[in-house]
Amino acid sequence: MPLRGLKILVIVLGVMLVAGAAVLAAAIALRLAQRTTPPTRALVAPPIFMPHGSKIETMAVGTDRIVLQVDLVDGSVQLVVIDLATGKEMEVVPLKEQP
């Protein structure tokens, strides 16, 4: 008789395990089906005009801006600060050697 009780317990626990896995799979499938993709927003920013022959030497990105180190043809260097939200040039900082 005690062996029969153990068999019933194993069967009940097995059914509960399979049912739980099925409920979990159904919940995951339901959430994946209801998930909406965020609309893609293309960044339409004004162009940044650089002097002819200049090149971007380095770039650093912060949380809300990007800083470009631009080497100019005449050998001078400037930093261009761009707002990431709008894509607009915020500031141009010329770098000069101390005499």
Protein backbone atom coordinates (compact mmCIF):
# COMPACT_ATOMS: atom_id res chain seq x y z
CA MET A 1 0.00 0.00 0.00
CA PRO A 2 2.72 2.63 0.76
CA LEU A 3 4.25 1.96 -2.64
CA ARG A 4 0.95 2.81 -4.32
CA GLY A 5 0.85 6.20 -2.52
CA LEU A 6 4.38 6.95 -3.72
CA LYS A 7 3.43 6.13 -7.32
CA ILE A 8 0.43 8.47 -7.12
CA LEU A 9 2.62 11.24 -5.67
CA VAL A 10 5.21 10.83 -8.45
CA ILE A 11 2.49 10.93 -11.12
CA VAL A 12 0.83 14.02 -9.60
CA LEU A 13 4.17 15.84 -9.30
CA GLY A 14 5.08 14.89 -12.90
CA VAL A 15 1.76 16.24 -14.19
CA MET A 16 2.29 19.45 -12.20
CA LEU A 17 5.79 19.83 -13.64
CA VAL A 18 4.58 19.39 -17.23
CA ALA A 19 1.63 21.74 -16.64
CA GLY A 20 3.91 24.38 -15.12
CA ALA A 21 6.30 24.18 -18.07
CA ALA A 22 3.34 24.53 -20.47
CA VAL A 23 2.01 27.57 -18.61
CA LEU A 24 5.48 29.17 -18.62
CA ALA A 25 5.89 28.54 -22.36
CA ALA A 26 2.44 29.98 -23.06
CA ALA A 27 3.19 33.09 -20.97
CA ILE A 28 6.47 33.68 -22.83
CA ALA A 29 4.78 33.20 -26.21
CA LEU A 30 1.99 35.59 -25.24
CA ARG A 31 4.44 38.30 -24.17
CA LEU A 32 6.48 37.89 -27.33
CA ALA A 33 3.33 38.17 -29.45
CA GLN A 34 2.21 41.35 -27.67
CA ARG A 35 5.62 43.00 -27.81
CA THR A 36 5.61 45.96 -30.14
CA THR A 37 8.68 47.18 -31.88
CA PRO A 38 9.47 50.82 -31.26
CA PRO A 39 9.08 52.99 -34.32
CA THR A 40 12.34 53.63 -36.05
CA ARG A 41 13.23 57.28 -35.99
CA ALA A 42 15.74 58.38 -38.53
CA LEU A 43 18.05 61.12 -37.40
CA VAL A 44 17.68 63.97 -39.82
CA ALA A 45 20.42 66.31 -38.75
CA PRO A 46 21.82 69.27 -40.59
CA PRO A 47 25.20 68.64 -42.21
CA ILE A 48 28.35 69.70 -40.42
CA PHE A 49 30.52 71.67 -42.78
CA MET A 50 34.25 71.15 -42.39
CA PRO A 51 36.98 73.11 -44.15
CA HIS A 52 38.31 71.50 -47.31
CA GLY A 53 41.14 69.04 -46.61
CA SER A 54 40.47 68.75 -42.89
CA LYS A 55 40.05 65.38 -41.25
CA ILE A 56 38.53 63.99 -38.08
CA GLU A 57 41.40 62.73 -35.94
CA THR A 58 39.52 61.42 -32.88
CA MET A 59 35.97 61.19 -31.62
CA ALA A 60 34.53 60.95 -28.09
CA VAL A 61 30.90 60.25 -27.22
CA GLY A 62 29.16 61.37 -24.02
CA THR A 63 25.60 60.86 -22.86
CA ASP A 64 24.21 63.80 -24.81
CA ARG A 65 27.00 65.01 -27.08
CA ILE A 66 29.81 63.97 -29.32
CA VAL A 67 33.17 65.73 -29.56
CA LEU A 68 35.25 65.58 -32.72
CA GLN A 69 38.91 66.55 -32.89
CA VAL A 70 39.37 68.05 -36.34
CA ASP A 71 42.84 68.56 -37.83
CA LEU A 72 42.79 71.44 -40.30
CA VAL A 73 44.93 71.82 -43.40
CA ASP A 74 46.95 74.71 -41.89
CA GLY A 75 48.06 72.44 -39.02
CA SER A 76 45.72 73.86 -36.39
CA VAL A 77 43.34 71.69 -34.39
CA GLN A 78 39.81 72.36 -33.23
CA LEU A 79 37.19 70.53 -31.19
CA VAL A 80 33.66 70.39 -32.59
CA VAL A 81 30.92 69.67 -30.04
CA ILE A 82 27.69 68.20 -31.48
CA ASP A 83 24.39 67.68 -29.65
CA LEU A 84 23.28 64.05 -30.13
CA ALA A 85 19.59 64.83 -29.70
CA THR A 86 19.41 67.34 -32.54
CA GLY A 87 22.60 66.64 -34.49
CA LYS A 88 23.42 70.35 -34.48
CA GLU A 89 26.86 71.80 -33.93
CA MET A 90 26.90 73.34 -30.46
CA GLU A 91 30.39 74.79 -30.25
CA VAL A 92 33.74 74.94 -32.01
CA VAL A 93 36.78 75.25 -29.75
CA PRO A 94 40.09 76.13 -31.44
CA LEU A 95 43.12 74.53 -29.79
CA LYS A 96 46.28 76.63 -29.77
CA GLU A 97 49.74 76.03 -28.40
CA GLN A 98 50.75 78.09 -25.42
CA PRO A 99 53.60 80.50 -26.32
